[in-house]
Amino acid sequence: MSQKDGFGSGFLLGTIVGGVVGGVLGTVLASRWENSAEDETISDSVAETKRSKRRQMRSAASEDIEMESARRSLEDKIAQLNATIDEVRDQLGSVNGTSPKKPENSLSQDS
């Protein structure tokens, strides 16, 4: 009969100790798992940030080249338009019987 009395108290003590040990062990493992997941997330975000910066640097360099090319193209077109405007002005001047070279302050003569 003495074995049965010791069994109940030992079982109860084992359950309590096992619950405490399991709870502590579960908490420690869960915190490590969360930290490793956070570390992976952080390392992934750092890697993505580095990739993003590299892309930005590459795109900034290619944008600079594209901007320079567009600027040169526009300057060439402006020069062509100015030459065409000068030709048309000369043609219209000879058609209207006026001199091809007009003073630039022609508005001041009207007032």
N, C-alpha and C. Protein backbone atom coordinates (compact mmCIF):
# COMPACT_ATOMS: atom_id res chain seq x y z
N MET A 1 0.79 -1.18 0.00
CA MET A 1 0.00 0.00 0.00
C MET A 1 0.85 1.25 0.00
N SER A 2 2.02 1.20 0.56
CA SER A 2 2.89 2.36 0.63
C SER A 2 3.37 2.75 -0.77
N GLN A 3 3.45 1.79 -1.67
CA GLN A 3 3.85 2.11 -3.03
C GLN A 3 2.79 2.94 -3.74
N LYS A 4 1.56 2.68 -3.47
CA LYS A 4 0.49 3.43 -4.11
C LYS A 4 0.45 4.86 -3.61
N ASP A 5 0.74 5.11 -2.37
CA ASP A 5 0.74 6.47 -1.84
C ASP A 5 1.89 7.27 -2.42
N GLY A 6 3.04 6.67 -2.58
CA GLY A 6 4.20 7.35 -3.16
C GLY A 6 4.01 7.63 -4.65
N PHE A 7 3.26 6.76 -5.32
CA PHE A 7 3.02 6.91 -6.75
C PHE A 7 2.25 8.20 -7.05
N GLY A 8 1.22 8.47 -6.29
CA GLY A 8 0.40 9.66 -6.53
C GLY A 8 1.17 10.94 -6.31
N SER A 9 1.91 11.02 -5.24
CA SER A 9 2.67 12.25 -4.98
C SER A 9 3.82 12.39 -5.98
N GLY A 10 4.46 11.30 -6.37
CA GLY A 10 5.54 11.34 -7.38
C GLY A 10 5.01 11.74 -8.75
N PHE A 11 3.84 11.19 -9.07
CA PHE A 11 3.21 11.54 -10.34
C PHE A 11 2.88 13.02 -10.41
N LEU A 12 2.32 13.54 -9.31
CA LEU A 12 1.97 14.96 -9.24
C LEU A 12 3.22 15.82 -9.32
N LEU A 13 4.26 15.46 -8.58
CA LEU A 13 5.52 16.22 -8.61
C LEU A 13 6.15 16.14 -10.00
N GLY A 14 6.13 15.01 -10.65
CA GLY A 14 6.69 14.85 -11.99
C GLY A 14 5.93 15.67 -13.03
N THR A 15 4.63 15.72 -12.87
CA THR A 15 3.82 16.52 -13.79
C THR A 15 4.15 18.00 -13.66
N ILE A 16 4.28 18.47 -12.44
CA ILE A 16 4.59 19.89 -12.21
C ILE A 16 5.98 20.22 -12.73
N VAL A 17 6.96 19.40 -12.36
CA VAL A 17 8.34 19.64 -12.81
C VAL A 17 8.42 19.54 -14.33
N GLY A 18 7.79 18.56 -14.90
CA GLY A 18 7.81 18.40 -16.36
C GLY A 18 7.15 19.57 -17.06
N GLY A 19 6.05 20.07 -16.48
CA GLY A 19 5.39 21.23 -17.08
C GLY A 19 6.27 22.47 -17.03
N VAL A 20 6.96 22.68 -15.90
CA VAL A 20 7.85 23.84 -15.77
C VAL A 20 9.02 23.72 -16.73
N VAL A 21 9.67 22.55 -16.75
CA VAL A 21 10.81 22.35 -17.65
C VAL A 21 10.37 22.48 -19.11
N GLY A 22 9.26 21.89 -19.45
CA GLY A 22 8.76 21.99 -20.83
C GLY A 22 8.41 23.41 -21.21
N GLY A 23 7.82 24.15 -20.27
CA GLY A 23 7.48 25.54 -20.55
C GLY A 23 8.71 26.39 -20.77
N VAL A 24 9.71 26.22 -19.89
CA VAL A 24 10.96 26.98 -20.04
C VAL A 24 11.65 26.61 -21.33
N LEU A 25 11.76 25.32 -21.61
CA LEU A 25 12.41 24.87 -22.83
C LEU A 25 11.66 25.37 -24.08
N GLY A 26 10.35 25.31 -24.05
CA GLY A 26 9.56 25.81 -25.17
C GLY A 26 9.74 27.31 -25.38
N THR A 27 9.80 28.06 -24.29
CA THR A 27 9.99 29.51 -24.39
C THR A 27 11.36 29.84 -24.98
N VAL A 28 12.39 29.15 -24.50
CA VAL A 28 13.75 29.40 -25.00
C VAL A 28 13.85 29.06 -26.48
N LEU A 29 13.33 27.91 -26.87
CA LEU A 29 13.39 27.51 -28.28
C LEU A 29 12.56 28.44 -29.17
N ALA A 30 11.42 28.85 -28.68
CA ALA A 30 10.58 29.75 -29.48
C ALA A 30 11.26 31.10 -29.68
N SER A 31 11.90 31.62 -28.63
CA SER A 31 12.57 32.92 -28.78
C SER A 31 13.76 32.81 -29.74
N ARG A 32 14.48 31.69 -29.68
CA ARG A 32 15.58 31.50 -30.63
C ARG A 32 15.06 31.39 -32.05
N TRP A 33 13.97 30.69 -32.24
CA TRP A 33 13.39 30.53 -33.57
C TRP A 33 12.91 31.88 -34.11
N GLU A 34 12.29 32.69 -33.26
CA GLU A 34 11.84 34.02 -33.68
C GLU A 34 13.02 34.90 -34.02
N ASN A 35 14.08 34.85 -33.20
CA ASN A 35 15.26 35.66 -33.46
C ASN A 35 15.93 35.25 -34.77
N SER A 36 15.99 33.95 -35.03
CA SER A 36 16.60 33.52 -36.29
C SER A 36 15.73 33.93 -37.47
N ALA A 37 14.42 33.88 -37.29
CA ALA A 37 13.53 34.34 -38.36
C ALA A 37 13.69 35.84 -38.58
N GLU A 38 13.82 36.60 -37.50
CA GLU A 38 14.03 38.04 -37.62
C GLU A 38 15.38 38.33 -38.27
N ASP A 39 16.41 37.57 -37.89
CA ASP A 39 17.73 37.74 -38.48
C ASP A 39 17.68 37.46 -39.98
N GLU A 40 16.96 36.41 -40.36
CA GLU A 40 16.82 36.11 -41.79
C GLU A 40 16.08 37.23 -42.49
N THR A 41 15.04 37.74 -41.85
CA THR A 41 14.28 38.84 -42.44
C THR A 41 15.16 40.07 -42.57
N ILE A 42 15.93 40.35 -41.54
CA ILE A 42 16.82 41.51 -41.57
C ILE A 42 17.89 41.32 -42.63
N SER A 43 18.49 40.14 -42.68
CA SER A 43 19.54 39.91 -43.68
C SER A 43 18.95 39.94 -45.09
N ASP A 44 17.73 39.45 -45.26
CA ASP A 44 17.07 39.53 -46.56
C ASP A 44 16.81 40.98 -46.94
N SER A 45 16.35 41.77 -45.97
CA SER A 45 16.07 43.17 -46.29
C SER A 45 17.35 43.94 -46.56
N VAL A 46 18.44 43.61 -45.85
CA VAL A 46 19.72 44.26 -46.10
C VAL A 46 20.21 43.90 -47.50
N ALA A 47 20.10 42.63 -47.85
CA ALA A 47 20.52 42.19 -49.18
C ALA A 47 19.68 42.86 -50.26
N GLU A 48 18.38 42.96 -50.03
CA GLU A 48 17.50 43.62 -51.00
C GLU A 48 17.84 45.11 -51.12
N THR A 49 18.18 45.74 -50.00
CA THR A 49 18.56 47.15 -50.02
C THR A 49 19.84 47.33 -50.84
N LYS A 50 20.80 46.43 -50.65
CA LYS A 50 22.04 46.53 -51.42
C LYS A 50 21.76 46.34 -52.90
N ARG A 51 20.91 45.35 -53.23
CA ARG A 51 20.56 45.14 -54.64
C ARG A 51 19.85 46.35 -55.21
N SER A 52 18.97 46.93 -54.42
CA SER A 52 18.22 48.09 -54.87
C SER A 52 19.15 49.27 -55.13
N LYS A 53 20.12 49.46 -54.23
CA LYS A 53 21.07 50.57 -54.43
C LYS A 53 21.91 50.35 -55.67
N ARG A 54 22.32 49.09 -55.92
CA ARG A 54 23.08 48.81 -57.13
C ARG A 54 22.25 49.11 -58.37
N ARG A 55 20.96 48.71 -58.33
CA ARG A 55 20.08 48.99 -59.47
C ARG A 55 19.93 50.49 -59.68
N GLN A 56 19.78 51.23 -58.58
CA GLN A 56 19.64 52.68 -58.67
C GLN A 56 20.89 53.31 -59.26
N MET A 57 22.06 52.82 -58.84
CA MET A 57 23.30 53.38 -59.38
C MET A 57 23.42 53.09 -60.87
N ARG A 58 23.07 51.85 -61.25
CA ARG A 58 23.11 51.52 -62.68
C ARG A 58 22.11 52.34 -63.46
N SER A 59 20.90 52.44 -62.93
CA SER A 59 19.87 53.19 -63.64
C SER A 59 20.21 54.67 -63.68
N ALA A 60 20.84 55.20 -62.62
CA ALA A 60 21.24 56.61 -62.61
C ALA A 60 22.30 56.85 -63.67
N ALA A 61 23.24 55.94 -63.82
CA ALA A 61 24.27 56.08 -64.84
C ALA A 61 23.65 56.01 -66.24
N SER A 62 22.74 55.07 -66.45
CA SER A 62 22.11 54.96 -67.76
C SER A 62 21.19 56.15 -68.03
N GLU A 63 20.55 56.67 -66.97
CA GLU A 63 19.71 57.86 -67.14
C GLU A 63 20.56 59.06 -67.51
N ASP A 64 21.76 59.18 -66.92
CA ASP A 64 22.65 60.28 -67.27
C ASP A 64 23.05 60.21 -68.73
N ILE A 65 23.35 59.01 -69.19
CA ILE A 65 23.72 58.84 -70.60
C ILE A 65 22.54 59.17 -71.50
N GLU A 66 21.35 58.69 -71.13
CA GLU A 66 20.15 58.98 -71.92
C GLU A 66 19.84 60.48 -71.93
N MET A 67 20.00 61.12 -70.77
CA MET A 67 19.73 62.56 -70.69
C MET A 67 20.70 63.35 -71.58
N GLU A 68 21.96 62.97 -71.54
CA GLU A 68 22.96 63.65 -72.36
C GLU A 68 22.65 63.45 -73.85
N SER A 69 22.26 62.23 -74.21
CA SER A 69 21.91 61.95 -75.60
C SER A 69 20.68 62.76 -76.02
N ALA A 70 19.68 62.82 -75.15
CA ALA A 70 18.48 63.59 -75.47
C ALA A 70 18.79 65.08 -75.58
N ARG A 71 19.66 65.57 -74.69
CA ARG A 71 20.03 66.99 -74.73
C ARG A 71 20.72 67.33 -76.05
N ARG A 72 21.66 66.48 -76.47
CA ARG A 72 22.36 66.72 -77.74
C ARG A 72 21.39 66.68 -78.92
N SER A 73 20.49 65.72 -78.88
CA SER A 73 19.52 65.61 -79.96
C SER A 73 18.64 66.86 -80.04
N LEU A 74 18.19 67.34 -78.87
CA LEU A 74 17.37 68.54 -78.85
C LEU A 74 18.15 69.77 -79.32
N GLU A 75 19.42 69.87 -78.95
CA GLU A 75 20.23 71.00 -79.41
C GLU A 75 20.36 70.98 -80.93
N ASP A 76 20.56 69.78 -81.51
CA ASP A 76 20.65 69.66 -82.96
C ASP A 76 19.33 70.08 -83.62
N LYS A 77 18.22 69.65 -83.05
CA LYS A 77 16.92 70.02 -83.63
C LYS A 77 16.66 71.52 -83.51
N ILE A 78 17.06 72.12 -82.41
CA ILE A 78 16.89 73.57 -82.24
C ILE A 78 17.73 74.32 -83.26
N ALA A 79 18.96 73.85 -83.51
CA ALA A 79 19.82 74.48 -84.50
C ALA A 79 19.19 74.37 -85.90
N GLN A 80 18.60 73.20 -86.21
CA GLN A 80 17.94 73.04 -87.50
C GLN A 80 16.74 73.97 -87.62
N LEU A 81 15.95 74.07 -86.56
CA LEU A 81 14.78 74.96 -86.59
C LEU A 81 15.20 76.42 -86.75
N ASN A 82 16.25 76.83 -86.06
CA ASN A 82 16.73 78.21 -86.20
C ASN A 82 17.19 78.49 -87.62
N ALA A 83 17.89 77.53 -88.22
CA ALA A 83 18.34 77.71 -89.60
C ALA A 83 17.14 77.80 -90.55
N THR A 84 16.15 76.95 -90.33
CA THR A 84 14.95 76.99 -91.18
C THR A 84 14.19 78.29 -91.00
N ILE A 85 14.07 78.77 -89.78
CA ILE A 85 13.40 80.06 -89.52
C ILE A 85 14.14 81.19 -90.21
N ASP A 86 15.47 81.18 -90.17
CA ASP A 86 16.25 82.23 -90.86
C ASP A 86 16.03 82.17 -92.37
N GLU A 87 15.97 80.97 -92.94
CA GLU A 87 15.73 80.83 -94.38
C GLU A 87 14.35 81.37 -94.76
N VAL A 88 13.33 81.01 -93.98
CA VAL A 88 11.97 81.46 -94.26
C VAL A 88 11.87 82.97 -94.10
N ARG A 89 12.52 83.50 -93.11
CA ARG A 89 12.52 84.96 -92.90
C ARG A 89 13.15 85.67 -94.10
N ASP A 90 14.27 85.13 -94.62
CA ASP A 90 14.92 85.71 -95.80
C ASP A 90 14.01 85.62 -97.02
N GLN A 91 13.33 84.47 -97.20
CA GLN A 91 12.42 84.32 -98.34
C GLN A 91 11.25 85.27 -98.22
N LEU A 92 10.66 85.39 -97.07
CA LEU A 92 9.52 86.29 -96.89
C LEU A 92 9.93 87.74 -97.04
N GLY A 93 11.11 88.05 -96.62
CA GLY A 93 11.60 89.42 -96.76
C GLY A 93 11.76 89.80 -98.23
N SER A 94 12.25 88.90 -99.05
CA SER A 94 12.42 89.20 -100.47
C SER A 94 11.07 89.20 -101.19
N VAL A 95 10.09 88.44 -100.71
CA VAL A 95 8.76 88.42 -101.32
C VAL A 95 8.02 89.71 -101.00
N ASN A 96 8.10 90.19 -99.80
CA ASN A 96 7.39 91.39 -99.38
C ASN A 96 8.10 92.66 -99.81
N GLY A 97 9.29 92.55 -100.35
CA GLY A 97 10.01 93.71 -100.82
C GLY A 97 10.72 94.45 -99.69
N THR A 98 10.84 93.89 -98.57
CA THR A 98 11.56 94.53 -97.46
C THR A 98 12.95 93.94 -97.39
N SER A 99 13.80 94.62 -96.66
CA SER A 99 15.16 94.13 -96.54
C SER A 99 15.17 92.87 -95.66
N PRO A 100 16.03 91.93 -95.97
CA PRO A 100 16.04 90.69 -95.22
C PRO A 100 16.52 90.87 -93.77
N LYS A 101 17.30 91.90 -93.51
CA LYS A 101 17.78 92.13 -92.17
C LYS A 101 16.98 93.24 -91.52
N LYS A 102 16.10 92.89 -90.58
CA LYS A 102 15.29 93.86 -89.85
C LYS A 102 15.93 94.12 -88.50
N PRO A 103 15.78 95.32 -87.98
CA PRO A 103 16.27 95.55 -86.63
C PRO A 103 15.42 94.76 -85.64
N GLU A 104 16.04 94.32 -84.57
CA GLU A 104 15.33 93.50 -83.61
C GLU A 104 14.35 94.31 -82.77
N ASN A 105 14.50 95.60 -82.70
CA ASN A 105 13.61 96.44 -81.89
C ASN A 105 12.52 97.06 -82.77
N SER A 106 11.92 96.27 -83.64
CA SER A 106 10.89 96.79 -84.53
C SER A 106 9.63 97.15 -83.76
N LEU A 107 9.39 96.62 -82.61
CA LEU A 107 8.22 96.97 -81.80
C LEU A 107 8.33 98.37 -81.24
N SER A 108 9.51 98.84 -80.98
CA SER A 108 9.68 100.17 -80.40
C SER A 108 9.36 101.27 -81.40
N GLN A 109 9.38 100.99 -82.73
CA GLN A 109 9.06 101.98 -83.75
C GLN A 109 7.56 102.27 -83.80
N ASP A 110 6.73 101.27 -83.41
CA ASP A 110 5.28 101.45 -83.48
C ASP A 110 4.79 102.39 -82.39
N SER A 111 5.42 102.44 -81.26
CA SER A 111 4.91 103.24 -80.15
C SER A 111 5.41 104.64 -80.12
